[in-house]
C-alpha atoms as a PDB file:
ATOM      1  CA  MET A   1      -0.302 -39.440 -38.117  1.00  0.00           C
ATOM      2  CA  THR A   2       2.364 -39.701 -36.264  1.00  0.00           C
ATOM      3  CA  GLY A   3       1.629 -37.568 -32.805  1.00  0.00           C
ATOM      4  CA  GLN A   4      -1.999 -38.970 -32.201  1.00  0.00           C
ATOM      5  CA  ARG A   5      -2.834 -41.519 -28.911  1.00  0.00           C
ATOM      6  CA  SER A   6      -2.891 -44.769 -30.051  1.00  0.00           C
ATOM      7  CA  ASP A   7      -6.605 -44.836 -30.521  1.00  0.00           C
ATOM      8  CA  ALA A   8      -7.044 -42.053 -32.659  1.00  0.00           C
ATOM      9  CA  ARG A   9      -4.725 -43.871 -35.376  1.00  0.00           C
ATOM     10  CA  ARG A  10      -6.758 -46.892 -34.590  1.00  0.00           C
ATOM     11  CA  ASN A  11      -9.962 -45.073 -35.925  1.00  0.00           C
ATOM     12  CA  TYR A  12      -7.763 -43.124 -38.547  1.00  0.00           C
ATOM     13  CA  ALA A  13      -6.849 -46.855 -40.052  1.00  0.00           C
ATOM     14  CA  ARG A  14     -10.089 -48.606 -39.364  1.00  0.00           C
ATOM     15  CA  ILE A  15     -12.868 -45.907 -41.249  1.00  0.00           C
ATOM     16  CA  LEU A  16     -10.060 -45.673 -43.962  1.00  0.00           C
ATOM     17  CA  GLU A  17     -10.127 -49.705 -44.459  1.00  0.00           C
ATOM     18  CA  VAL A  18     -13.643 -49.335 -44.090  1.00  0.00           C
ATOM     19  CA  ALA A  19     -13.794 -46.072 -46.489  1.00  0.00           C
ATOM     20  CA  GLU A  20     -11.633 -48.087 -48.958  1.00  0.00           C
ATOM     21  CA  ALA A  21     -14.608 -50.752 -49.588  1.00  0.00           C
ATOM     22  CA  GLU A  22     -17.663 -49.206 -49.746  1.00  0.00           C
ATOM     23  CA  VAL A  23     -16.025 -46.381 -52.890  1.00  0.00           C
ATOM     24  CA  ALA A  24     -14.843 -49.670 -54.554  1.00  0.00           C
ATOM     25  CA  SER A  25     -18.597 -50.781 -53.687  1.00  0.00           C
ATOM     26  CA  ARG A  26     -20.129 -47.400 -54.302  1.00  0.00           C
ATOM     27  CA  GLY A  27     -18.304 -45.498 -55.666  1.00  0.00           C
ATOM     28  CA  ALA A  28     -17.273 -42.112 -55.112  1.00  0.00           C
ATOM     29  CA  ASP A  29     -20.778 -41.252 -53.489  1.00  0.00           C
ATOM     30  CA  ALA A  30     -20.581 -43.535 -51.001  1.00  0.00           C
ATOM     31  CA  SER A  31     -22.161 -42.720 -47.768  1.00  0.00           C
ATOM     32  CA  LEU A  32     -19.937 -40.521 -45.226  1.00  0.00           C
ATOM     33  CA  GLU A  33     -22.536 -41.733 -41.967  1.00  0.00           C
ATOM     34  CA  GLN A  34     -22.388 -45.559 -43.203  1.00  0.00           C
ATOM     35  CA  ILE A  35     -18.246 -45.527 -43.490  1.00  0.00           C
ATOM     36  CA  ALA A  36     -18.560 -44.014 -39.894  1.00  0.00           C
ATOM     37  CA  ARG A  37     -21.208 -46.977 -38.578  1.00  0.00           C
ATOM     38  CA  ILE A  38     -19.619 -49.894 -40.163  1.00  0.00           C
ATOM     39  CA  ALA A  39     -16.174 -47.985 -38.432  1.00  0.00           C
ATOM     40  CA  GLY A  40     -17.574 -48.228 -35.759  1.00  0.00           C
ATOM     41  CA  VAL A  41     -16.982 -45.058 -34.967  1.00  0.00           C
ATOM     42  CA  GLY A  42     -19.485 -41.547 -35.162  1.00  0.00           C
ATOM     43  CA  SER A  43     -19.425 -39.425 -37.829  1.00  0.00           C
ATOM     44  CA  ALA A  44     -17.937 -36.864 -36.789  1.00  0.00           C
ATOM     45  CA  THR A  45     -14.784 -38.704 -36.398  1.00  0.00           C
ATOM     46  CA  VAL A  46     -14.509 -39.475 -39.323  1.00  0.00           C
ATOM     47  CA  ARG A  47     -15.616 -35.846 -40.229  1.00  0.00           C
ATOM     48  CA  ARG A  48     -12.486 -34.808 -37.896  1.00  0.00           C
ATOM     49  CA  HIS A  49      -9.438 -37.357 -39.663  1.00  0.00           C
ATOM     50  CA  PHE A  50     -11.495 -36.646 -43.187  1.00  0.00           C
ATOM     51  CA  PRO A  51     -13.061 -33.109 -43.575  1.00  0.00           C
ATOM     52  CA  THR A  52     -13.699 -33.113 -46.828  1.00  0.00           C
ATOM     53  CA  ARG A  53     -14.707 -36.009 -48.671  1.00  0.00           C
ATOM     54  CA  GLN A  54     -12.705 -35.093 -51.275  1.00  0.00           C
ATOM     55  CA  ALA A  55     -10.130 -35.968 -48.062  1.00  0.00           C
ATOM     56  CA  LEU A  56     -11.325 -39.062 -47.965  1.00  0.00           C
ATOM     57  CA  LEU A  57     -11.278 -39.683 -51.970  1.00  0.00           C
ATOM     58  CA  GLU A  58      -7.482 -38.595 -52.225  1.00  0.00           C
ATOM     59  CA  ALA A  59      -6.530 -41.215 -48.865  1.00  0.00           C
ATOM     60  CA  VAL A  60      -8.101 -44.055 -50.301  1.00  0.00           C
ATOM     61  CA  TYR A  61      -6.632 -43.209 -53.331  1.00  0.00           C
ATOM     62  CA  HIS A  62      -3.459 -42.407 -52.338  1.00  0.00           C
ATOM     63  CA  GLY A  63      -1.467 -45.880 -52.426  1.00  0.00           C
ATOM     64  CA  ARG A  64      -2.147 -46.059 -55.998  1.00  0.00           C
ATOM     65  CA  MET A  65      -1.765 -43.287 -56.512  1.00  0.00           C
ATOM     66  CA  GLN A  66       2.414 -42.864 -55.663  1.00  0.00           C
ATOM     67  CA  ALA A  67       2.334 -47.047 -57.334  1.00  0.00           C
ATOM     68  CA  LEU A  68       1.599 -45.214 -61.141  1.00  0.00           C
ATOM     69  CA  ALA A  69       3.681 -41.761 -59.773  1.00  0.00           C
ATOM     70  CA  GLU A  70       7.220 -44.523 -59.612  1.00  0.00           C
ATOM     71  CA  GLN A  71       5.463 -46.323 -62.869  1.00  0.00           C
ATOM     72  CA  ALA A  72       5.654 -42.585 -64.510  1.00  0.00           C
ATOM     73  CA  ARG A  73       9.385 -42.532 -62.838  1.00  0.00           C
ATOM     74  CA  ALA A  74      10.478 -45.993 -64.603  1.00  0.00           C
ATOM     75  CA  ALA A  75       9.102 -45.245 -67.910  1.00  0.00           C
ATOM     76  CA  GLY A  76      11.345 -41.986 -67.926  1.00  0.00           C
ATOM     77  CA  ASP A  77      13.983 -43.452 -69.191  1.00  0.00           C
ATOM     78  CA  ALA A  78      12.503 -45.349 -72.086  1.00  0.00           C
ATOM     79  CA  LYS A  79      14.202 -45.023 -75.464  1.00  0.00           C
ATOM     80  CA  ASP A  80       9.944 -43.900 -76.713  1.00  0.00           C
ATOM     81  CA  SER A  81       9.477 -41.115 -75.225  1.00  0.00           C
ATOM     82  CA  ARG A  82       5.696 -41.655 -76.924  1.00  0.00           C
ATOM     83  CA  ALA A  83       5.224 -45.169 -76.125  1.00  0.00           C
ATOM     84  CA  ALA A  84       6.448 -44.652 -72.321  1.00  0.00           C
ATOM     85  CA  LEU A  85       3.689 -41.802 -72.339  1.00  0.00           C
ATOM     86  CA  LEU A  86       1.201 -44.283 -74.634  1.00  0.00           C
ATOM     87  CA  THR A  87       1.608 -46.779 -71.858  1.00  0.00           C
ATOM     88  CA  TRP A  88       1.376 -44.634 -68.469  1.00  0.00           C
ATOM     89  CA  THR A  89      -1.927 -43.285 -69.634  1.00  0.00           C
ATOM     90  CA  HIS A  90      -3.077 -46.232 -70.435  1.00  0.00           C
ATOM     91  CA  ASP A  91      -2.447 -47.317 -66.807  1.00  0.00           C
ATOM     92  CA  LEU A  92      -3.522 -44.701 -65.580  1.00  0.00           C
ATOM     93  CA  LEU A  93      -6.828 -45.286 -67.586  1.00  0.00           C
ATOM     94  CA  ALA A  94      -7.049 -48.610 -66.441  1.00  0.00           C
ATOM     95  CA  TYR A  95      -7.266 -47.971 -62.860  1.00  0.00           C
ATOM     96  CA  ALA A  96      -9.418 -45.089 -63.346  1.00  0.00           C
ATOM     97  CA  VAL A  97     -12.189 -47.275 -64.363  1.00  0.00           C
ATOM     98  CA  SER A  98     -11.111 -50.639 -61.904  1.00  0.00           C
ATOM     99  CA  ALA A  99     -11.416 -48.085 -58.771  1.00  0.00           C
ATOM    100  CA  ARG A 100     -14.963 -47.616 -58.437  1.00  0.00           C
ATOM    101  CA  GLY A 101     -14.780 -43.378 -57.878  1.00  0.00           C
ATOM    102  CA  LEU A 102     -11.420 -42.284 -58.605  1.00  0.00           C
ATOM    103  CA  ALA A 103     -12.728 -40.592 -62.220  1.00  0.00           C
ATOM    104  CA  ASP A 104     -14.515 -39.270 -59.176  1.00  0.00           C
ATOM    105  CA  ALA A 105     -11.725 -38.132 -57.314  1.00  0.00           C
ATOM    106  CA  LEU A 106      -9.364 -36.601 -60.443  1.00  0.00           C
ATOM    107  CA  THR A 107     -12.973 -33.948 -61.625  1.00  0.00           C
ATOM    108  CA  TYR A 108     -11.779 -31.501 -59.295  1.00  0.00           C
ATOM    109  CA  GLU A 109     -10.041 -28.504 -61.104  1.00  0.00           C
ATOM    110  CA  PRO A 110      -5.814 -29.333 -61.528  1.00  0.00           C
ATOM    111  CA  PRO A 111      -4.107 -28.530 -58.461  1.00  0.00           C
ATOM    112  CA  VAL A 112      -3.162 -24.742 -57.319  1.00  0.00           C
ATOM    113  CA  GLN A 113       0.016 -23.167 -56.340  1.00  0.00           C
ATOM    114  CA  ASP A 114      -0.946 -23.560 -52.495  1.00  0.00           C
ATOM    115  CA  ALA A 115      -3.092 -27.389 -53.424  1.00  0.00           C
ATOM    116  CA  ALA A 116      -1.072 -30.276 -50.211  1.00  0.00           C
ATOM    117  CA  ALA A 117       1.789 -32.028 -53.015  1.00  0.00           C
ATOM    118  CA  ASP A 118       0.699 -35.546 -52.834  1.00  0.00           C
ATOM    119  CA  SER A 119      -2.980 -35.404 -53.176  1.00  0.00           C
ATOM    120  CA  CYS A 120      -3.854 -37.468 -56.668  1.00  0.00           C
ATOM    121  CA  ASN A 121      -3.456 -34.702 -59.171  1.00  0.00           C
ATOM    122  CA  ALA A 122      -0.448 -33.145 -58.093  1.00  0.00           C
ATOM    123  CA  VAL A 123       0.900 -36.811 -57.293  1.00  0.00           C
ATOM    124  CA  LEU A 124      -0.109 -37.481 -60.717  1.00  0.00           C
ATOM    125  CA  GLU A 125       0.536 -34.376 -62.646  1.00  0.00           C
ATOM    126  CA  ALA A 126       4.185 -34.365 -60.641  1.00  0.00           C
ATOM    127  CA  ALA A 127       5.086 -37.829 -62.199  1.00  0.00           C
ATOM    128  CA  GLY A 128       3.107 -37.296 -65.813  1.00  0.00           C
ATOM    129  CA  THR A 129       4.271 -34.175 -66.241  1.00  0.00           C
ATOM    130  CA  PRO A 130       8.271 -35.107 -67.242  1.00  0.00           C
ATOM    131  CA  LEU A 131       6.677 -37.296 -69.572  1.00  0.00           C
ATOM    132  CA  LEU A 132       3.903 -35.548 -71.446  1.00  0.00           C
ATOM    133  CA  ARG A 133       7.225 -33.569 -71.146  1.00  0.00           C
ATOM    134  CA  ARG A 134      10.426 -35.931 -72.864  1.00  0.00           C
ATOM    135  CA  ALA A 135       7.833 -36.996 -75.708  1.00  0.00           C
ATOM    136  CA  ILE A 136       6.886 -33.181 -76.375  1.00  0.00           C
ATOM    137  CA  ASP A 137      10.608 -31.960 -76.547  1.00  0.00           C
ATOM    138  CA  ASP A 138      11.101 -35.636 -78.630  1.00  0.00           C
ATOM    139  CA  GLY A 139       7.837 -34.164 -81.742  1.00  0.00           C
ATOM    140  CA  VAL A 140       6.168 -37.082 -81.094  1.00  0.00           C
ATOM    141  CA  VAL A 141       3.155 -35.010 -79.450  1.00  0.00           C
ATOM    142  CA  ARG A 142       1.965 -31.402 -80.257  1.00  0.00           C
ATOM    143  CA  ASP A 143       3.176 -29.280 -78.172  1.00  0.00           C
ATOM    144  CA  ASP A 144      -0.274 -27.771 -76.960  1.00  0.00           C
ATOM    145  CA  VAL A 145      -1.532 -30.482 -75.463  1.00  0.00           C
ATOM    146  CA  THR A 146      -1.192 -29.860 -71.123  1.00  0.00           C
ATOM    147  CA  PHE A 147      -1.120 -32.449 -68.408  1.00  0.00           C
ATOM    148  CA  HIS A 148      -4.721 -31.295 -67.993  1.00  0.00           C
ATOM    149  CA  ASP A 149      -5.274 -32.210 -70.898  1.00  0.00           C
ATOM    150  CA  LEU A 150      -4.589 -35.833 -71.246  1.00  0.00           C
ATOM    151  CA  LEU A 151      -5.517 -35.740 -67.072  1.00  0.00           C
ATOM    152  CA  THR A 152      -8.907 -34.522 -68.080  1.00  0.00           C
ATOM    153  CA  LEU A 153      -9.027 -37.395 -71.349  1.00  0.00           C
ATOM    154  CA  THR A 154      -8.751 -40.646 -68.869  1.00  0.00           C
ATOM    155  CA  VAL A 155     -10.935 -39.395 -66.579  1.00  0.00           C
ATOM    156  CA  GLY A 156     -13.866 -38.295 -69.166  1.00  0.00           C
ATOM    157  CA  ILE A 157     -13.625 -41.514 -70.992  1.00  0.00           C
ATOM    158  CA  ALA A 158     -13.871 -44.169 -67.889  1.00  0.00           C
ATOM    159  CA  LEU A 159     -16.904 -41.344 -67.086  1.00  0.00           C
ATOM    160  CA  ALA A 160     -18.358 -42.362 -69.816  1.00  0.00           C
ATOM    161  CA  THR A 161     -18.053 -46.241 -69.457  1.00  0.00           C
ATOM    162  CA  GLU A 162     -17.975 -46.822 -65.718  1.00  0.00           C
ATOM    163  CA  HIS A 163     -21.632 -48.728 -65.946  1.00  0.00           C
ATOM    164  CA  GLN A 164     -20.844 -50.657 -68.685  1.00  0.00           C
ATOM    165  CA  ALA A 165     -20.590 -54.742 -67.693  1.00  0.00           C
ATOM    166  CA  THR A 166     -16.990 -54.986 -68.615  1.00  0.00           C
ATOM    167  CA  PRO A 167     -15.528 -51.237 -68.985  1.00  0.00           C
ATOM    168  CA  LEU A 168     -12.287 -51.327 -69.614  1.00  0.00           C
ATOM    169  CA  PRO A 169     -12.134 -52.678 -73.422  1.00  0.00           C
ATOM    170  CA  HIS A 170     -14.666 -49.502 -74.874  1.00  0.00           C
ATOM    171  CA  ALA A 171     -12.190 -47.189 -72.375  1.00  0.00           C
ATOM    172  CA  THR A 172      -9.069 -47.987 -74.477  1.00  0.00           C
ATOM    173  CA  HIS A 173     -11.082 -48.366 -77.614  1.00  0.00           C
ATOM    174  CA  LEU A 174     -11.757 -45.449 -76.540  1.00  0.00           C
ATOM    175  CA  LEU A 175      -8.614 -43.695 -75.282  1.00  0.00           C
ATOM    176  CA  GLN A 176      -6.691 -45.090 -79.142  1.00  0.00           C
ATOM    177  CA  LEU A 177      -9.537 -43.362 -81.228  1.00  0.00           C
ATOM    178  CA  ALA A 178      -8.309 -40.028 -78.652  1.00  0.00           C
ATOM    179  CA  LEU A 179      -5.007 -40.452 -78.881  1.00  0.00           C
ATOM    180  CA  GLN A 180      -5.204 -41.773 -82.701  1.00  0.00           C
ATOM    181  CA  GLY A 181      -7.905 -39.540 -83.732  1.00  0.00           C
ATOM    182  CA  ILE A 182     -10.514 -40.462 -85.992  1.00  0.00           C
ATOM    183  CA  SER A 183      -9.415 -39.398 -89.380  1.00  0.00           C
ATOM    184  CA  PRO A 184      -5.226 -39.937 -89.334  1.00  0.00           C
ATOM    185  CA  ALA A 185      -3.484 -38.006 -92.747  1.00  0.00           C
ATOM    186  CA  PRO A 186      -3.277 -39.297 -95.328  1.00  0.00           C
ATOM    187  CA  THR A 187       0.274 -40.889 -95.905  1.00  0.00           C
ATOM    188  CA  ALA A 188       2.129 -39.408 -99.052  1.00  0.00           C
END
């Protein structure tokens, strides 16, 4: 943003403001042309600032991803590593369910080595992996679970429930089932 003309910065801010509202209303498939129209700019201006739909979605969700990352860092010192990981995973699910289009944005492949460090997936992975690693080290999570596994599970549940009238209760139930298993081991 620095180094841009003031009108370019204003256009960026206006496009992002409109995109946030449109994505909240219509989901990840919100029309880029409609966003441009409402923002009062040409579609080329939208594409100059956001060359791909994914780039626009990343910008729309950037602030919340940073907040989730901060929550993960704060939970890193919790006594109960399992509870910290599961609470953070639930928070991620709750946001993915409430923010139309986020689950769609997170369905892209896991970050590759040269991916932007501030992409939604990269921010979440950098924040959530230490929580997962600690839970694995403490022996409260299987050692073959990856962060991408948790993200895929969370995103899948969010996508499966997003069209329900009240998706969060069902999504939370499904997450609980997945995390606890549908057939718990008998107690001895």
